[in-house]
N, C-alpha and C. Protein backbone atom coordinates (compact mmCIF):
# COMPACT_ATOMS: atom_id res chain seq x y z
N UNK A 1 8.97 -9.34 -0.99
CA UNK A 1 8.99 -8.69 0.41
C UNK A 1 10.01 -9.49 1.25
N UNK A 2 10.94 -8.57 1.64
CA UNK A 2 12.01 -9.14 2.57
C UNK A 2 11.66 -8.53 3.98
N UNK A 3 11.50 -9.43 4.84
CA UNK A 3 11.25 -9.11 6.32
C UNK A 3 12.30 -9.57 7.21
N UNK A 4 12.29 -8.82 8.38
CA UNK A 4 13.31 -9.21 9.29
C UNK A 4 12.48 -10.44 10.05
N UNK A 5 13.14 -11.70 10.10
CA UNK A 5 12.51 -12.81 10.50
C UNK A 5 12.25 -12.73 11.99
N UNK A 6 13.16 -12.13 12.80
CA UNK A 6 12.91 -11.98 14.23
C UNK A 6 11.75 -11.09 14.52
N UNK A 7 11.55 -10.08 13.80
CA UNK A 7 10.43 -9.04 14.03
C UNK A 7 9.12 -9.89 13.58
N UNK A 8 9.16 -10.55 12.45
CA UNK A 8 7.87 -11.31 12.02
C UNK A 8 7.60 -12.41 13.00
N UNK A 9 8.57 -13.14 13.54
CA UNK A 9 8.24 -14.18 14.62
C UNK A 9 7.70 -13.52 15.78
N UNK A 10 8.26 -12.59 16.28
CA UNK A 10 7.70 -11.82 17.44
C UNK A 10 6.20 -11.22 17.20
N UNK A 11 5.89 -10.76 16.07
CA UNK A 11 4.56 -10.37 15.70
C UNK A 11 3.71 -11.49 15.69
N UNK A 12 4.07 -12.61 15.10
CA UNK A 12 3.28 -13.74 15.06
C UNK A 12 3.02 -14.35 16.46
N UNK A 13 3.83 -14.36 17.33
CA UNK A 13 3.58 -14.88 18.61
C UNK A 13 2.67 -13.80 19.34
N UNK A 14 2.98 -12.57 19.13
CA UNK A 14 2.03 -11.62 19.78
C UNK A 14 0.59 -11.68 19.32
N UNK A 15 0.40 -11.86 18.07
CA UNK A 15 -1.00 -12.05 17.47
C UNK A 15 -1.48 -13.31 18.18
N UNK A 16 -0.76 -14.37 18.11
CA UNK A 16 -1.36 -15.57 18.48
C UNK A 16 -1.69 -15.74 20.15
N UNK A 17 -0.94 -14.92 20.74
CA UNK A 17 -1.19 -14.74 22.37
C UNK A 17 -2.34 -13.97 22.66
N UNK A 18 -2.92 -13.04 21.67
CA UNK A 18 -3.93 -12.18 22.03
C UNK A 18 -5.26 -12.82 22.02
N UNK A 19 -6.00 -12.67 23.36
CA UNK A 19 -7.23 -13.46 23.51
C UNK A 19 -8.42 -12.97 22.70
N UNK A 20 -8.28 -11.76 22.05
CA UNK A 20 -9.26 -11.31 21.07
C UNK A 20 -9.27 -11.80 19.78
N UNK A 21 -8.16 -12.56 19.39
CA UNK A 21 -8.06 -13.24 18.04
C UNK A 21 -8.63 -14.67 18.12
N UNK A 22 -9.56 -14.79 17.41
CA UNK A 22 -10.27 -16.10 17.56
C UNK A 22 -10.12 -16.89 16.25
N UNK A 23 -10.12 -18.13 16.22
CA UNK A 23 -9.97 -19.02 14.86
C UNK A 23 -9.00 -18.62 13.98
N UNK A 24 -7.71 -18.53 14.53
CA UNK A 24 -6.49 -18.07 13.78
C UNK A 24 -5.96 -19.17 12.87
N UNK A 25 -6.36 -18.92 11.59
CA UNK A 25 -5.78 -19.80 10.51
C UNK A 25 -4.71 -19.12 9.77
N UNK A 26 -3.92 -19.66 8.72
CA UNK A 26 -2.99 -19.07 8.12
C UNK A 26 -3.44 -17.88 7.35
N UNK A 27 -4.60 -18.04 6.65
CA UNK A 27 -5.06 -16.76 5.94
C UNK A 27 -5.28 -15.66 6.73
N UNK A 28 -5.99 -15.78 7.87
CA UNK A 28 -6.21 -14.78 8.70
C UNK A 28 -4.97 -14.17 9.49
N UNK A 29 -4.00 -15.03 9.71
CA UNK A 29 -2.70 -14.55 10.27
C UNK A 29 -2.08 -13.56 9.22
N UNK A 30 -1.97 -13.97 8.04
CA UNK A 30 -1.18 -13.16 7.04
C UNK A 30 -2.06 -11.86 6.80
N UNK A 31 -3.39 -11.88 6.88
CA UNK A 31 -4.22 -10.79 6.59
C UNK A 31 -3.82 -9.76 7.76
N UNK A 32 -3.83 -10.21 9.02
CA UNK A 32 -3.55 -9.37 10.29
C UNK A 32 -2.20 -8.75 10.09
N UNK A 33 -1.19 -9.48 9.71
CA UNK A 33 0.13 -9.14 9.53
C UNK A 33 0.16 -8.03 8.45
N UNK A 34 -0.47 -8.21 7.27
CA UNK A 34 -0.51 -7.18 6.31
C UNK A 34 -1.23 -5.84 6.79
N UNK A 35 -2.33 -6.17 7.52
CA UNK A 35 -2.96 -4.76 8.00
C UNK A 35 -2.19 -4.13 9.00
N UNK A 36 -1.49 -4.84 10.02
CA UNK A 36 -0.64 -4.34 11.08
C UNK A 36 0.47 -3.46 10.19
N UNK A 37 1.22 -4.11 9.09
CA UNK A 37 2.19 -3.46 8.49
C UNK A 37 1.70 -2.25 7.79
N UNK A 38 0.55 -2.20 7.09
CA UNK A 38 0.03 -1.10 6.49
C UNK A 38 -0.25 0.22 7.40
N UNK A 39 -0.89 -0.16 8.62
CA UNK A 39 -1.20 0.76 9.58
C UNK A 39 0.08 1.44 10.08
N UNK A 40 0.95 0.67 10.33
CA UNK A 40 2.57 0.93 10.85
C UNK A 40 3.17 1.85 9.84
N UNK A 41 3.04 1.46 8.64
CA UNK A 41 3.72 2.20 7.46
C UNK A 41 3.04 3.68 7.27
N UNK A 42 1.80 3.71 7.49
CA UNK A 42 1.08 4.93 7.46
C UNK A 42 1.42 5.87 8.59
N UNK A 43 1.49 5.45 9.76
CA UNK A 43 1.77 6.17 11.04
C UNK A 43 3.31 6.43 11.27
N UNK A 44 4.13 5.64 10.90
CA UNK A 44 5.57 5.78 11.30
C UNK A 44 6.58 5.74 10.04
N UNK A 45 5.95 5.45 8.79
CA UNK A 45 6.85 5.34 7.59
C UNK A 45 7.72 4.07 7.62
N UNK A 46 7.45 3.33 8.45
CA UNK A 46 8.17 1.97 8.61
C UNK A 46 7.16 0.95 9.07
N UNK A 47 7.56 -0.34 8.60
CA UNK A 47 6.69 -1.50 8.65
C UNK A 47 7.07 -2.11 10.09
N UNK A 48 6.11 -2.96 10.68
CA UNK A 48 6.28 -3.56 11.82
C UNK A 48 7.30 -4.79 11.68
N UNK A 49 7.09 -5.41 10.50
CA UNK A 49 7.93 -6.55 10.18
C UNK A 49 9.38 -6.22 9.62
N UNK A 50 9.54 -5.10 9.18
CA UNK A 50 10.84 -4.61 8.63
C UNK A 50 10.76 -4.97 7.17
N UNK A 51 9.58 -5.18 6.55
CA UNK A 51 9.71 -5.63 5.19
C UNK A 51 9.99 -4.26 4.28
N UNK A 52 10.21 -4.52 3.01
CA UNK A 52 10.48 -3.41 2.17
C UNK A 52 9.39 -2.89 1.41
N UNK A 53 8.16 -3.03 1.87
CA UNK A 53 6.96 -2.68 1.29
C UNK A 53 6.87 -1.39 1.11
N UNK A 54 6.57 -0.93 -0.09
CA UNK A 54 6.34 0.44 -0.40
C UNK A 54 5.07 0.51 -1.32
N UNK A 55 4.11 1.42 -0.65
CA UNK A 55 2.83 1.63 -1.29
C UNK A 55 2.53 3.04 -1.42
N UNK A 56 3.48 3.60 -2.23
CA UNK A 56 3.32 5.07 -2.32
C UNK A 56 2.08 5.70 -2.96
N UNK A 57 1.58 4.91 -3.84
CA UNK A 57 0.18 5.42 -4.68
C UNK A 57 -0.86 5.31 -3.67
N UNK A 58 -0.95 4.48 -2.73
CA UNK A 58 -2.21 4.38 -1.84
C UNK A 58 -1.99 5.01 -0.42
N UNK A 59 -0.76 5.17 0.00
CA UNK A 59 -0.60 5.59 1.34
C UNK A 59 0.11 7.03 1.08
N UNK A 60 -0.62 8.13 1.67
CA UNK A 60 0.15 9.39 1.57
C UNK A 60 1.30 9.54 2.67
N UNK A 61 2.26 10.30 2.10
CA UNK A 61 3.44 10.38 2.99
C UNK A 61 3.06 10.92 4.30
N UNK A 62 3.76 10.65 5.25
CA UNK A 62 3.63 10.92 6.74
C UNK A 62 3.96 12.52 6.92
N UNK A 63 2.89 13.30 7.46
CA UNK A 63 3.14 14.72 7.38
C UNK A 63 3.44 15.01 8.95
């Protein structure tokens, strides 16, 4: 997975600054980043982090 480091840094800072996120450890952070990327990929056909993630078997193409 190759990601745009600028986008990834911005997303991490945004997640960390969110008051609804409690007990943010490394595992929780990576899970949130993964789920945010998957949702963005489903809705916009692009990831938030700029990664080259492709999950064509599990995510239907954007219609």
